Amino acid sequence: MKLYNTQSQRLEEFDPLAHPVRLYVCGITPYDTTHLGHAATYCAFDVLVRYLEYRGATVDYCENVTDIDDDTIREAPKRGTNWRDLGNTWTAHFSGNFPDDPKKRDPLDFVLWQAQAPGEPAWDSPWGPGRPGVNPRSHLVLMGLLALSRFPPLQSHSVRLHA
């Protein structure tokens, strides 16, 4: 497989099975509605991740939300609000395009400590036997992978469409 490396400005061989693929993709800057560029980014990297996983690669995907930026700072007064509220509004709008989990009482809830079910592995804790919930575990793994790994992450800061 060959990928275009913007640092070397060349197509380079890329072996996704040599080590885990760590992929950082720059997410939305929430100051207005999403646009075709966002869709192109999500489609391109969704296809890439699916292909790499199909080939047997382990892919760790990380995406940010740039909720403070020149655009949010400049746009907020035009809309009679502050940058934080503007970012929160558009992030919620963007996130609202994903279905809610009907089992959650609050969409922001996540499990810090998963209680042990019969037959499952568990560790002792002040809250009883169980294991770390997926969200804190994913965060810690991601921090370790992206910050401490000896393998540099693939990074995308935009997708350019060429005719």
N, C-alpha and C. Protein backbone atom coordinates (compact mmCIF):
# COMPACT_ATOMS: atom_id res chain seq x y z
N MET A 1 0.85 -1.17 0.00
CA MET A 1 0.00 0.00 0.00
C MET A 1 0.90 1.23 0.00
N LYS A 2 0.49 2.24 -0.76
CA LYS A 2 1.23 3.50 -0.78
C LYS A 2 0.30 4.62 -0.32
N LEU A 3 0.84 5.50 0.52
CA LEU A 3 0.12 6.69 0.97
C LEU A 3 0.97 7.91 0.65
N TYR A 4 0.29 9.02 0.38
CA TYR A 4 0.99 10.26 0.11
C TYR A 4 1.44 10.89 1.42
N ASN A 5 2.74 11.13 1.55
CA ASN A 5 3.32 11.75 2.74
C ASN A 5 3.52 13.24 2.44
N THR A 6 2.77 14.09 3.13
CA THR A 6 2.87 15.52 2.85
C THR A 6 4.20 16.11 3.31
N GLN A 7 4.88 15.45 4.25
CA GLN A 7 6.18 15.96 4.69
C GLN A 7 7.24 15.75 3.61
N SER A 8 7.27 14.55 3.02
CA SER A 8 8.25 14.27 1.97
C SER A 8 7.71 14.63 0.59
N GLN A 9 6.40 14.87 0.50
CA GLN A 9 5.70 15.17 -0.74
C GLN A 9 5.89 14.06 -1.78
N ARG A 10 5.82 12.80 -1.27
CA ARG A 10 5.96 11.63 -2.14
C ARG A 10 4.98 10.55 -1.72
N LEU A 11 4.67 9.66 -2.67
CA LEU A 11 3.97 8.43 -2.32
C LEU A 11 4.99 7.52 -1.67
N GLU A 12 4.64 6.95 -0.52
CA GLU A 12 5.58 6.07 0.18
C GLU A 12 4.90 4.77 0.54
N GLU A 13 5.70 3.70 0.58
CA GLU A 13 5.19 2.41 1.01
C GLU A 13 4.73 2.50 2.45
N PHE A 14 3.62 1.87 2.72
CA PHE A 14 3.08 1.85 4.07
C PHE A 14 2.62 0.43 4.36
N ASP A 15 3.18 -0.18 5.40
CA ASP A 15 2.81 -1.53 5.79
C ASP A 15 1.95 -1.46 7.04
N PRO A 16 0.63 -1.58 6.89
CA PRO A 16 -0.26 -1.44 8.05
C PRO A 16 -0.18 -2.61 9.02
N LEU A 17 0.50 -3.68 8.63
CA LEU A 17 0.59 -4.84 9.52
C LEU A 17 1.88 -4.84 10.33
N ALA A 18 2.80 -3.92 10.02
CA ALA A 18 4.09 -3.89 10.72
C ALA A 18 3.94 -3.48 12.18
N HIS A 19 2.98 -2.64 12.47
CA HIS A 19 2.72 -2.18 13.84
C HIS A 19 1.32 -1.57 13.85
N PRO A 20 0.75 -1.33 15.02
CA PRO A 20 -0.59 -0.72 15.05
C PRO A 20 -0.60 0.63 14.32
N VAL A 21 -1.65 0.86 13.58
CA VAL A 21 -1.82 2.12 12.87
C VAL A 21 -2.51 3.09 13.81
N ARG A 22 -1.85 4.21 14.08
CA ARG A 22 -2.42 5.23 14.95
C ARG A 22 -2.80 6.39 14.06
N LEU A 23 -4.07 6.73 14.03
CA LEU A 23 -4.57 7.71 13.09
C LEU A 23 -5.23 8.87 13.83
N TYR A 24 -4.68 10.05 13.63
CA TYR A 24 -5.26 11.27 14.20
C TYR A 24 -5.87 12.06 13.05
N VAL A 25 -7.15 12.42 13.18
CA VAL A 25 -7.83 13.20 12.15
C VAL A 25 -8.37 14.46 12.80
N CYS A 26 -8.06 15.59 12.21
CA CYS A 26 -8.56 16.86 12.73
C CYS A 26 -10.06 16.92 12.49
N GLY A 27 -10.82 17.12 13.54
CA GLY A 27 -12.28 17.13 13.46
C GLY A 27 -12.82 18.50 13.13
N ILE A 28 -14.09 18.70 13.46
CA ILE A 28 -14.78 19.94 13.11
C ILE A 28 -14.30 21.12 13.95
N THR A 29 -14.46 22.31 13.39
CA THR A 29 -14.38 23.55 14.14
C THR A 29 -15.82 24.05 14.20
N PRO A 30 -16.46 23.90 15.36
CA PRO A 30 -17.91 24.10 15.44
C PRO A 30 -18.35 25.56 15.58
N TYR A 31 -18.37 26.25 14.44
CA TYR A 31 -18.85 27.63 14.47
C TYR A 31 -20.01 27.85 13.49
N ASP A 32 -20.31 26.82 12.69
CA ASP A 32 -21.40 26.90 11.72
C ASP A 32 -21.73 25.47 11.30
N THR A 33 -22.67 25.33 10.36
CA THR A 33 -23.05 23.99 9.93
C THR A 33 -21.86 23.27 9.31
N THR A 34 -21.92 21.95 9.36
CA THR A 34 -20.87 21.17 8.71
C THR A 34 -21.03 21.33 7.20
N HIS A 35 -19.96 20.99 6.47
CA HIS A 35 -19.97 21.21 5.04
C HIS A 35 -19.38 20.01 4.31
N LEU A 36 -19.30 20.10 3.01
CA LEU A 36 -18.83 18.99 2.18
C LEU A 36 -17.41 18.56 2.55
N GLY A 37 -16.59 19.51 2.97
CA GLY A 37 -15.24 19.16 3.40
C GLY A 37 -15.24 18.21 4.59
N HIS A 38 -16.15 18.46 5.55
CA HIS A 38 -16.27 17.54 6.68
C HIS A 38 -16.69 16.15 6.19
N ALA A 39 -17.68 16.12 5.32
CA ALA A 39 -18.16 14.83 4.79
C ALA A 39 -17.04 14.10 4.06
N ALA A 40 -16.26 14.82 3.27
CA ALA A 40 -15.15 14.20 2.55
C ALA A 40 -14.15 13.60 3.52
N THR A 41 -13.85 14.34 4.59
CA THR A 41 -12.91 13.83 5.59
C THR A 41 -13.43 12.56 6.22
N TYR A 42 -14.67 12.59 6.70
CA TYR A 42 -15.21 11.42 7.39
C TYR A 42 -15.34 10.23 6.47
N CYS A 43 -15.76 10.45 5.23
CA CYS A 43 -15.88 9.34 4.28
C CYS A 43 -14.51 8.76 3.95
N ALA A 44 -13.54 9.64 3.65
CA ALA A 44 -12.21 9.16 3.27
C ALA A 44 -11.58 8.34 4.39
N PHE A 45 -11.65 8.84 5.61
CA PHE A 45 -10.99 8.12 6.70
C PHE A 45 -11.80 6.92 7.18
N ASP A 46 -13.11 6.96 7.01
CA ASP A 46 -13.91 5.77 7.31
C ASP A 46 -13.52 4.64 6.35
N VAL A 47 -13.39 4.96 5.07
CA VAL A 47 -12.99 3.95 4.09
C VAL A 47 -11.58 3.45 4.39
N LEU A 48 -10.65 4.36 4.70
CA LEU A 48 -9.29 3.95 5.01
C LEU A 48 -9.25 3.03 6.22
N VAL A 49 -9.93 3.40 7.30
CA VAL A 49 -9.93 2.57 8.51
C VAL A 49 -10.55 1.21 8.23
N ARG A 50 -11.67 1.19 7.52
CA ARG A 50 -12.32 -0.09 7.20
C ARG A 50 -11.40 -0.97 6.35
N TYR A 51 -10.71 -0.36 5.38
CA TYR A 51 -9.80 -1.13 4.54
C TYR A 51 -8.63 -1.69 5.35
N LEU A 52 -8.04 -0.85 6.18
CA LEU A 52 -6.91 -1.31 7.00
C LEU A 52 -7.34 -2.45 7.92
N GLU A 53 -8.51 -2.31 8.55
CA GLU A 53 -9.00 -3.38 9.42
C GLU A 53 -9.32 -4.64 8.61
N TYR A 54 -9.85 -4.48 7.41
CA TYR A 54 -10.12 -5.61 6.53
C TYR A 54 -8.82 -6.36 6.22
N ARG A 55 -7.73 -5.60 6.04
CA ARG A 55 -6.42 -6.20 5.77
C ARG A 55 -5.80 -6.84 7.01
N GLY A 56 -6.42 -6.63 8.18
CA GLY A 56 -5.92 -7.25 9.40
C GLY A 56 -5.16 -6.31 10.31
N ALA A 57 -5.13 -5.02 9.97
CA ALA A 57 -4.39 -4.05 10.79
C ALA A 57 -5.19 -3.70 12.04
N THR A 58 -4.46 -3.35 13.08
CA THR A 58 -5.06 -2.77 14.28
C THR A 58 -5.02 -1.26 14.09
N VAL A 59 -6.17 -0.60 14.18
CA VAL A 59 -6.24 0.85 13.95
C VAL A 59 -6.76 1.54 15.20
N ASP A 60 -6.00 2.51 15.68
CA ASP A 60 -6.42 3.36 16.79
C ASP A 60 -6.71 4.73 16.20
N TYR A 61 -7.98 5.14 16.26
CA TYR A 61 -8.45 6.36 15.60
C TYR A 61 -8.76 7.42 16.64
N CYS A 62 -8.25 8.61 16.43
CA CYS A 62 -8.48 9.73 17.34
C CYS A 62 -8.90 10.94 16.50
N GLU A 63 -9.91 11.64 16.99
CA GLU A 63 -10.40 12.83 16.30
C GLU A 63 -10.69 13.91 17.33
N ASN A 64 -10.36 15.13 17.00
CA ASN A 64 -10.61 16.22 17.94
C ASN A 64 -11.79 17.08 17.50
N VAL A 65 -12.19 17.99 18.36
CA VAL A 65 -13.12 19.06 18.04
C VAL A 65 -12.39 20.35 18.43
N THR A 66 -12.14 21.22 17.46
CA THR A 66 -11.45 22.48 17.72
C THR A 66 -12.48 23.52 18.11
N ASP A 67 -12.82 23.54 19.41
CA ASP A 67 -13.92 24.40 19.85
C ASP A 67 -13.49 25.81 20.21
N ILE A 68 -12.20 26.10 20.11
CA ILE A 68 -11.76 27.49 20.21
C ILE A 68 -10.75 27.71 19.09
N ASP A 69 -11.04 28.69 18.26
CA ASP A 69 -10.26 28.92 17.06
C ASP A 69 -10.60 30.33 16.56
N ASP A 70 -9.83 30.82 15.61
CA ASP A 70 -10.12 32.14 15.04
C ASP A 70 -11.57 32.21 14.55
N ASP A 71 -12.03 31.13 13.91
CA ASP A 71 -13.40 31.14 13.37
C ASP A 71 -14.44 31.27 14.47
N THR A 72 -14.29 30.52 15.57
CA THR A 72 -15.29 30.59 16.65
C THR A 72 -15.22 31.94 17.34
N ILE A 73 -14.03 32.46 17.54
CA ILE A 73 -13.87 33.76 18.19
C ILE A 73 -14.47 34.87 17.33
N ARG A 74 -14.23 34.81 16.03
CA ARG A 74 -14.73 35.84 15.10
C ARG A 74 -16.25 35.72 14.90
N GLU A 75 -16.77 34.49 14.83
CA GLU A 75 -18.19 34.28 14.52
C GLU A 75 -19.10 34.54 15.71
N ALA A 76 -18.64 34.28 16.93
CA ALA A 76 -19.50 34.38 18.12
C ALA A 76 -20.16 35.75 18.27
N PRO A 77 -19.43 36.88 18.21
CA PRO A 77 -20.09 38.17 18.38
C PRO A 77 -21.11 38.46 17.28
N LYS A 78 -20.88 37.95 16.07
CA LYS A 78 -21.84 38.14 14.97
C LYS A 78 -23.17 37.48 15.30
N ARG A 79 -23.12 36.44 16.12
CA ARG A 79 -24.33 35.70 16.48
C ARG A 79 -24.83 36.06 17.88
N GLY A 80 -24.19 37.06 18.49
CA GLY A 80 -24.63 37.53 19.80
C GLY A 80 -24.37 36.55 20.93
N THR A 81 -23.26 35.84 20.85
CA THR A 81 -22.93 34.86 21.88
C THR A 81 -21.42 34.88 22.12
N ASN A 82 -20.94 34.01 22.99
CA ASN A 82 -19.49 33.91 23.21
C ASN A 82 -18.98 32.64 22.52
N TRP A 83 -17.66 32.57 22.37
CA TRP A 83 -17.06 31.45 21.63
C TRP A 83 -17.39 30.10 22.24
N ARG A 84 -17.45 30.02 23.57
CA ARG A 84 -17.71 28.73 24.23
C ARG A 84 -19.12 28.23 23.93
N ASP A 85 -20.11 29.13 24.07
CA ASP A 85 -21.49 28.74 23.78
C ASP A 85 -21.69 28.39 22.30
N LEU A 86 -21.05 29.17 21.43
CA LEU A 86 -21.15 28.88 20.00
C LEU A 86 -20.58 27.49 19.70
N GLY A 87 -19.40 27.21 20.23
CA GLY A 87 -18.79 25.89 20.01
C GLY A 87 -19.63 24.77 20.57
N ASN A 88 -20.17 24.97 21.78
CA ASN A 88 -21.01 23.94 22.39
C ASN A 88 -22.29 23.70 21.57
N THR A 89 -22.87 24.79 21.07
CA THR A 89 -24.10 24.67 20.28
C THR A 89 -23.86 23.84 19.02
N TRP A 90 -22.81 24.18 18.27
CA TRP A 90 -22.56 23.48 17.01
C TRP A 90 -22.00 22.08 17.25
N THR A 91 -21.26 21.87 18.33
CA THR A 91 -20.82 20.51 18.64
C THR A 91 -22.02 19.63 18.96
N ALA A 92 -22.97 20.18 19.72
CA ALA A 92 -24.19 19.43 20.04
C ALA A 92 -24.99 19.15 18.77
N HIS A 93 -25.05 20.13 17.88
CA HIS A 93 -25.77 19.93 16.61
C HIS A 93 -25.12 18.81 15.80
N PHE A 94 -23.79 18.86 15.71
CA PHE A 94 -23.05 17.83 14.98
C PHE A 94 -23.25 16.46 15.63
N SER A 95 -23.10 16.41 16.93
CA SER A 95 -23.27 15.15 17.67
C SER A 95 -24.71 14.66 17.61
N GLY A 96 -25.65 15.59 17.48
CA GLY A 96 -27.06 15.23 17.43
C GLY A 96 -27.43 14.44 16.19
N ASN A 97 -26.53 14.39 15.23
CA ASN A 97 -26.78 13.61 14.03
C ASN A 97 -26.53 12.12 14.25
N PHE A 98 -26.10 11.77 15.44
CA PHE A 98 -25.86 10.37 15.78
C PHE A 98 -26.98 9.91 16.70
N PRO A 99 -27.45 8.69 16.53
CA PRO A 99 -28.56 8.22 17.37
C PRO A 99 -28.15 8.11 18.84
N ASP A 100 -29.10 8.42 19.72
CA ASP A 100 -28.88 8.27 21.16
C ASP A 100 -28.96 6.80 21.55
N ASP A 101 -28.29 6.46 22.62
CA ASP A 101 -28.39 5.12 23.20
C ASP A 101 -29.62 5.14 24.11
N PRO A 102 -30.66 4.38 23.79
CA PRO A 102 -31.89 4.45 24.59
C PRO A 102 -31.71 3.94 26.02
N LYS A 103 -30.60 3.25 26.30
CA LYS A 103 -30.37 2.73 27.65
C LYS A 103 -29.79 3.79 28.59
N LYS A 104 -29.34 4.91 28.04
CA LYS A 104 -28.72 5.95 28.87
C LYS A 104 -29.77 6.93 29.38
N ARG A 105 -29.63 7.31 30.65
CA ARG A 105 -30.50 8.36 31.20
C ARG A 105 -30.04 9.73 30.73
N ASP A 106 -28.75 9.89 30.52
CA ASP A 106 -28.18 11.14 30.06
C ASP A 106 -27.14 10.79 29.00
N PRO A 107 -27.16 11.43 27.82
CA PRO A 107 -26.21 11.07 26.77
C PRO A 107 -24.75 11.33 27.14
N LEU A 108 -24.51 12.14 28.17
CA LEU A 108 -23.13 12.40 28.59
C LEU A 108 -22.64 11.39 29.62
N ASP A 109 -23.52 10.53 30.11
CA ASP A 109 -23.11 9.51 31.08
C ASP A 109 -22.19 8.50 30.42
N PHE A 110 -21.19 8.08 31.16
CA PHE A 110 -20.39 6.95 30.74
C PHE A 110 -19.95 6.20 31.98
N VAL A 111 -19.59 4.96 31.79
CA VAL A 111 -19.27 4.07 32.90
C VAL A 111 -17.80 4.25 33.28
N LEU A 112 -17.55 4.66 34.52
CA LEU A 112 -16.17 4.72 35.01
C LEU A 112 -15.69 3.34 35.44
N TRP A 113 -16.57 2.60 36.12
CA TRP A 113 -16.22 1.27 36.63
C TRP A 113 -17.36 0.32 36.30
N GLN A 114 -17.06 -0.71 35.53
CA GLN A 114 -18.07 -1.69 35.11
C GLN A 114 -18.13 -2.80 36.15
N ALA A 115 -19.28 -2.95 36.80
CA ALA A 115 -19.44 -4.01 37.80
C ALA A 115 -19.29 -5.38 37.15
N GLN A 116 -18.76 -6.30 37.92
CA GLN A 116 -18.54 -7.65 37.41
C GLN A 116 -19.87 -8.38 37.19
N ALA A 117 -20.01 -8.98 36.03
CA ALA A 117 -21.14 -9.88 35.76
C ALA A 117 -20.62 -11.30 35.96
N PRO A 118 -21.50 -12.24 36.25
CA PRO A 118 -21.06 -13.62 36.48
C PRO A 118 -20.18 -14.14 35.34
N GLY A 119 -19.04 -14.69 35.72
CA GLY A 119 -18.12 -15.27 34.75
C GLY A 119 -17.18 -14.30 34.07
N GLU A 120 -17.32 -13.00 34.33
CA GLU A 120 -16.44 -12.03 33.71
C GLU A 120 -15.20 -11.79 34.56
N PRO A 121 -14.07 -11.40 33.93
CA PRO A 121 -12.89 -11.06 34.72
C PRO A 121 -13.16 -9.79 35.53
N ALA A 122 -12.48 -9.67 36.67
CA ALA A 122 -12.70 -8.50 37.53
C ALA A 122 -11.49 -8.27 38.42
N TRP A 123 -11.40 -7.05 38.89
CA TRP A 123 -10.40 -6.65 39.86
C TRP A 123 -11.13 -6.03 41.04
N ASP A 124 -10.53 -6.11 42.21
CA ASP A 124 -11.12 -5.50 43.39
C ASP A 124 -10.96 -3.98 43.32
N SER A 125 -11.94 -3.28 43.84
CA SER A 125 -11.88 -1.83 43.89
C SER A 125 -12.74 -1.36 45.05
N PRO A 126 -12.66 -0.07 45.40
CA PRO A 126 -13.54 0.46 46.44
C PRO A 126 -15.02 0.36 46.07
N TRP A 127 -15.32 0.19 44.78
CA TRP A 127 -16.71 0.12 44.31
C TRP A 127 -17.18 -1.32 44.12
N GLY A 128 -16.34 -2.27 44.47
CA GLY A 128 -16.67 -3.68 44.29
C GLY A 128 -15.91 -4.27 43.11
N PRO A 129 -16.02 -5.57 42.92
CA PRO A 129 -15.28 -6.20 41.82
C PRO A 129 -15.81 -5.73 40.47
N GLY A 130 -14.89 -5.54 39.54
CA GLY A 130 -15.26 -5.09 38.21
C GLY A 130 -14.04 -4.76 37.39
N ARG A 131 -14.23 -3.89 36.41
CA ARG A 131 -13.13 -3.49 35.52
C ARG A 131 -13.38 -2.04 35.08
N PRO A 132 -12.34 -1.37 34.57
CA PRO A 132 -12.55 0.00 34.09
C PRO A 132 -13.57 0.03 32.96
N GLY A 133 -14.40 1.08 32.95
CA GLY A 133 -15.35 1.27 31.85
C GLY A 133 -14.61 1.56 30.56
N VAL A 134 -15.28 1.41 29.45
CA VAL A 134 -14.63 1.56 28.15
C VAL A 134 -14.15 2.99 27.90
N ASN A 135 -14.88 4.03 28.34
CA ASN A 135 -14.47 5.40 28.05
C ASN A 135 -13.16 5.79 28.72
N PRO A 136 -13.02 5.61 30.05
CA PRO A 136 -11.73 5.94 30.66
C PRO A 136 -10.61 5.06 30.14
N ARG A 137 -10.93 3.80 29.90
CA ARG A 137 -9.91 2.87 29.40
C ARG A 137 -9.46 3.32 28.02
N SER A 138 -10.40 3.65 27.15
CA SER A 138 -10.06 4.10 25.80
C SER A 138 -9.22 5.37 25.85
N HIS A 139 -9.60 6.29 26.73
CA HIS A 139 -8.85 7.54 26.86
C HIS A 139 -7.41 7.26 27.28
N LEU A 140 -7.24 6.40 28.28
CA LEU A 140 -5.89 6.10 28.76
C LEU A 140 -5.08 5.37 27.71
N VAL A 141 -5.70 4.42 27.02
CA VAL A 141 -5.00 3.70 25.96
C VAL A 141 -4.61 4.67 24.86
N LEU A 142 -5.55 5.53 24.46
CA LEU A 142 -5.28 6.50 23.42
C LEU A 142 -4.15 7.43 23.81
N MET A 143 -4.18 7.91 25.03
CA MET A 143 -3.09 8.78 25.50
C MET A 143 -1.76 8.06 25.42
N GLY A 144 -1.75 6.81 25.85
CA GLY A 144 -0.52 6.03 25.79
C GLY A 144 -0.08 5.79 24.37
N LEU A 145 -1.01 5.46 23.50
CA LEU A 145 -0.65 5.17 22.12
C LEU A 145 -0.17 6.40 21.38
N LEU A 146 -0.90 7.50 21.53
CA LEU A 146 -0.55 8.68 20.76
C LEU A 146 0.62 9.45 21.36
N ALA A 147 0.74 9.44 22.66
CA ALA A 147 1.78 10.25 23.30
C ALA A 147 3.07 9.49 23.54
N LEU A 148 2.96 8.20 23.82
CA LEU A 148 4.14 7.47 24.28
C LEU A 148 4.65 6.43 23.30
N SER A 149 3.90 6.14 22.27
CA SER A 149 4.29 5.08 21.35
C SER A 149 5.53 5.45 20.58
N ARG A 150 6.30 4.42 20.23
CA ARG A 150 7.49 4.68 19.42
C ARG A 150 7.14 4.81 17.94
N PHE A 151 5.86 4.51 17.59
CA PHE A 151 5.42 4.63 16.21
C PHE A 151 4.67 5.93 16.04
N PRO A 152 5.07 6.77 15.10
CA PRO A 152 4.36 8.04 14.93
C PRO A 152 2.97 7.82 14.36
N PRO A 153 2.00 8.64 14.77
CA PRO A 153 0.65 8.49 14.22
C PRO A 153 0.55 9.04 12.81
N LEU A 154 -0.33 8.45 12.02
CA LEU A 154 -0.71 9.08 10.76
C LEU A 154 -1.56 10.28 11.15
N GLN A 155 -1.36 11.38 10.49
CA GLN A 155 -2.14 12.56 10.84
C GLN A 155 -2.83 13.11 9.61
N SER A 156 -4.02 13.59 9.78
CA SER A 156 -4.74 14.26 8.71
C SER A 156 -5.28 15.56 9.27
N HIS A 157 -4.99 16.63 8.60
CA HIS A 157 -5.53 17.91 9.04
C HIS A 157 -6.54 18.47 8.04
N SER A 158 -6.65 17.82 6.89
CA SER A 158 -7.68 18.18 5.93
C SER A 158 -7.66 17.13 4.83
N VAL A 159 -8.71 17.12 4.07
CA VAL A 159 -8.77 16.28 2.89
C VAL A 159 -8.94 17.22 1.71
N ARG A 160 -8.07 17.10 0.75
CA ARG A 160 -8.17 17.95 -0.43
C ARG A 160 -8.77 17.12 -1.56
N LEU A 161 -9.79 17.65 -2.19
CA LEU A 161 -10.42 16.97 -3.31
C LEU A 161 -9.80 17.51 -4.59
N HIS A 162 -9.31 16.61 -5.42
CA HIS A 162 -8.70 17.01 -6.68
C HIS A 162 -9.53 16.45 -7.83
N ALA A 163 -9.76 17.26 -8.84
CA ALA A 163 -10.54 16.80 -10.00
C ALA A 163 -9.68 15.93 -10.89
